[in-house]
């Protein structure tokens, strides 16, 4: 995901997080770009901003990473929030013949 794509999704992410300020826009854009890159690596292809399923996965990832910024916490942290793999599995390109 490039910066332009992330900036297009920024209002949706802020809505998902119930943020009404611009103080964290740079950080949120960074989280969206990281989520887009993670998704591209997971599916083995480009992030499609016009696809609502990929957009939802990016919003969930970016929101989770924004809210869970530390690597350690009192609670159990997950690499990826529940449901993201399930949203993206249908987009995965099978290269080795093994589908996760």
C-alpha atoms as a PDB file:
ATOM      1  CA  UNK A   1       0.000   0.000   0.000  1.00  0.00           C
ATOM      2  CA  UNK A   2       1.405   3.371  -0.945  1.00  0.00           C
ATOM      3  CA  UNK A   3       0.978   6.653   0.922  1.00  0.00           C
ATOM      4  CA  UNK A   4      -1.858   7.836  -1.337  1.00  0.00           C
ATOM      5  CA  UNK A   5      -3.834   4.640  -0.701  1.00  0.00           C
ATOM      6  CA  UNK A   6      -3.229   4.963   3.048  1.00  0.00           C
ATOM      7  CA  UNK A   7      -4.362   8.578   3.044  1.00  0.00           C
ATOM      8  CA  UNK A   8      -7.570   7.547   1.255  1.00  0.00           C
ATOM      9  CA  UNK A   9      -8.303   5.016   4.005  1.00  0.00           C
ATOM     10  CA  UNK A  10      -7.336   7.344   6.872  1.00  0.00           C
ATOM     11  CA  UNK A  11     -10.871   8.750   7.441  1.00  0.00           C
ATOM     12  CA  UNK A  12     -12.264   5.194   7.680  1.00  0.00           C
ATOM     13  CA  UNK A  13      -9.593   4.182  10.172  1.00  0.00           C
ATOM     14  CA  UNK A  14     -10.230   7.265  12.289  1.00  0.00           C
ATOM     15  CA  UNK A  15     -13.936   6.464  12.256  1.00  0.00           C
ATOM     16  CA  UNK A  16     -13.258   2.871  13.288  1.00  0.00           C
ATOM     17  CA  UNK A  17     -11.121   4.133  16.182  1.00  0.00           C
ATOM     18  CA  UNK A  18     -13.584   6.911  17.094  1.00  0.00           C
ATOM     19  CA  UNK A  19     -10.869   9.555  16.703  1.00  0.00           C
ATOM     20  CA  UNK A  20     -11.900  13.117  15.988  1.00  0.00           C
ATOM     21  CA  UNK A  21      -8.483  14.776  16.036  1.00  0.00           C
ATOM     22  CA  UNK A  22      -5.547  14.995  13.644  1.00  0.00           C
ATOM     23  CA  UNK A  23      -2.759  14.524  16.200  1.00  0.00           C
ATOM     24  CA  UNK A  24      -1.988  10.939  15.172  1.00  0.00           C
ATOM     25  CA  UNK A  25      -2.583  11.162  11.417  1.00  0.00           C
ATOM     26  CA  UNK A  26       1.060  10.448  10.558  1.00  0.00           C
ATOM     27  CA  UNK A  27       1.126   7.427  12.876  1.00  0.00           C
ATOM     28  CA  UNK A  28      -2.213   6.151  11.563  1.00  0.00           C
ATOM     29  CA  UNK A  29      -1.013   6.511   7.972  1.00  0.00           C
ATOM     30  CA  UNK A  30       2.110   4.561   8.898  1.00  0.00           C
ATOM     31  CA  UNK A  31      -0.009   1.812  10.496  1.00  0.00           C
ATOM     32  CA  UNK A  32      -2.162   1.617   7.354  1.00  0.00           C
ATOM     33  CA  UNK A  33       0.911   1.318   5.140  1.00  0.00           C
ATOM     34  CA  UNK A  34       2.309  -1.412   7.401  1.00  0.00           C
ATOM     35  CA  UNK A  35      -1.049  -3.227   7.307  1.00  0.00           C
ATOM     36  CA  UNK A  36      -1.141  -2.971   3.514  1.00  0.00           C
ATOM     37  CA  UNK A  37       2.370  -4.387   3.245  1.00  0.00           C
ATOM     38  CA  UNK A  38       1.485  -7.197   5.655  1.00  0.00           C
ATOM     39  CA  UNK A  39      -1.595  -8.024   3.550  1.00  0.00           C
ATOM     40  CA  UNK A  40       0.401  -7.979   0.289  1.00  0.00           C
ATOM     41  CA  UNK A  41       2.919 -10.394   1.817  1.00  0.00           C
ATOM     42  CA  UNK A  42       0.167 -12.626   3.196  1.00  0.00           C
ATOM     43  CA  UNK A  43      -1.812 -12.902  -0.045  1.00  0.00           C
ATOM     44  CA  UNK A  44       1.168 -12.778  -2.401  1.00  0.00           C
ATOM     45  CA  UNK A  45      -0.245  -9.928  -4.480  1.00  0.00           C
ATOM     46  CA  UNK A  46      -1.171  -6.264  -4.543  1.00  0.00           C
ATOM     47  CA  UNK A  47      -3.405  -4.562  -2.009  1.00  0.00           C
ATOM     48  CA  UNK A  48      -6.673  -3.592  -3.705  1.00  0.00           C
ATOM     49  CA  UNK A  49      -8.091  -0.409  -2.164  1.00  0.00           C
ATOM     50  CA  UNK A  50     -11.396  -0.836  -3.976  1.00  0.00           C
ATOM     51  CA  UNK A  51     -11.950  -4.260  -2.390  1.00  0.00           C
ATOM     52  CA  UNK A  52     -14.053  -3.953   0.790  1.00  0.00           C
ATOM     53  CA  UNK A  53     -12.719  -7.206   2.275  1.00  0.00           C
ATOM     54  CA  UNK A  54      -9.075  -6.175   1.923  1.00  0.00           C
ATOM     55  CA  UNK A  55      -9.960  -2.720   3.218  1.00  0.00           C
ATOM     56  CA  UNK A  56     -11.650  -4.238   6.268  1.00  0.00           C
ATOM     57  CA  UNK A  57      -8.603  -6.405   6.950  1.00  0.00           C
ATOM     58  CA  UNK A  58      -6.314  -3.362   6.684  1.00  0.00           C
ATOM     59  CA  UNK A  59      -8.540  -1.351   9.019  1.00  0.00           C
ATOM     60  CA  UNK A  60      -8.612  -4.156  11.582  1.00  0.00           C
ATOM     61  CA  UNK A  61      -4.848  -4.587  11.466  1.00  0.00           C
ATOM     62  CA  UNK A  62      -4.040  -0.890  11.615  1.00  0.00           C
ATOM     63  CA  UNK A  63      -6.527  -0.273  14.444  1.00  0.00           C
ATOM     64  CA  UNK A  64      -5.161  -3.215  16.436  1.00  0.00           C
ATOM     65  CA  UNK A  65      -1.548  -2.121  15.967  1.00  0.00           C
ATOM     66  CA  UNK A  66      -2.473   1.465  16.891  1.00  0.00           C
ATOM     67  CA  UNK A  67      -4.209   0.395  20.095  1.00  0.00           C
ATOM     68  CA  UNK A  68      -1.578  -2.238  21.016  1.00  0.00           C
ATOM     69  CA  UNK A  69       1.646  -0.310  20.445  1.00  0.00           C
ATOM     70  CA  UNK A  70       3.808  -2.155  22.945  1.00  0.00           C
ATOM     71  CA  UNK A  71       5.333  -5.598  22.505  1.00  0.00           C
ATOM     72  CA  UNK A  72       4.557  -6.511  26.111  1.00  0.00           C
ATOM     73  CA  UNK A  73       1.389  -6.121  28.148  1.00  0.00           C
ATOM     74  CA  UNK A  74      -0.542  -7.606  31.054  1.00  0.00           C
ATOM     75  CA  UNK A  75      -2.916  -9.260  28.615  1.00  0.00           C
ATOM     76  CA  UNK A  76      -2.275 -11.811  25.871  1.00  0.00           C
ATOM     77  CA  UNK A  77      -1.416 -10.045  22.622  1.00  0.00           C
ATOM     78  CA  UNK A  78      -1.879 -11.494  19.161  1.00  0.00           C
ATOM     79  CA  UNK A  79       0.191 -10.777  16.076  1.00  0.00           C
ATOM     80  CA  UNK A  80      -2.975 -10.387  14.044  1.00  0.00           C
ATOM     81  CA  UNK A  81      -6.476  -9.716  15.365  1.00  0.00           C
ATOM     82  CA  UNK A  82      -9.067 -12.473  15.165  1.00  0.00           C
ATOM     83  CA  UNK A  83     -10.677 -12.714  11.750  1.00  0.00           C
ATOM     84  CA  UNK A  84      -7.995 -11.122   9.559  1.00  0.00           C
ATOM     85  CA  UNK A  85      -6.659 -14.439   8.278  1.00  0.00           C
ATOM     86  CA  UNK A  86     -10.201 -15.580   7.561  1.00  0.00           C
ATOM     87  CA  UNK A  87     -10.939 -12.410   5.595  1.00  0.00           C
ATOM     88  CA  UNK A  88      -7.818 -12.784   3.462  1.00  0.00           C
ATOM     89  CA  UNK A  89      -7.501 -16.544   2.950  1.00  0.00           C
ATOM     90  CA  UNK A  90      -9.541 -16.492  -0.262  1.00  0.00           C
ATOM     91  CA  UNK A  91      -7.019 -14.040  -1.798  1.00  0.00           C
ATOM     92  CA  UNK A  92      -3.933 -16.125  -1.038  1.00  0.00           C
ATOM     93  CA  UNK A  93      -1.923 -17.351  -3.950  1.00  0.00           C
ATOM     94  CA  UNK A  94      -0.872 -20.944  -3.442  1.00  0.00           C
ATOM     95  CA  UNK A  95       2.740 -21.275  -4.527  1.00  0.00           C
ATOM     96  CA  UNK A  96       3.911 -24.500  -2.923  1.00  0.00           C
ATOM     97  CA  UNK A  97       0.674 -26.399  -3.140  1.00  0.00           C
ATOM     98  CA  UNK A  98       0.116 -26.048   0.590  1.00  0.00           C
ATOM     99  CA  UNK A  99      -2.723 -23.717   1.599  1.00  0.00           C
ATOM    100  CA  UNK A 100      -2.730 -22.456   5.200  1.00  0.00           C
END
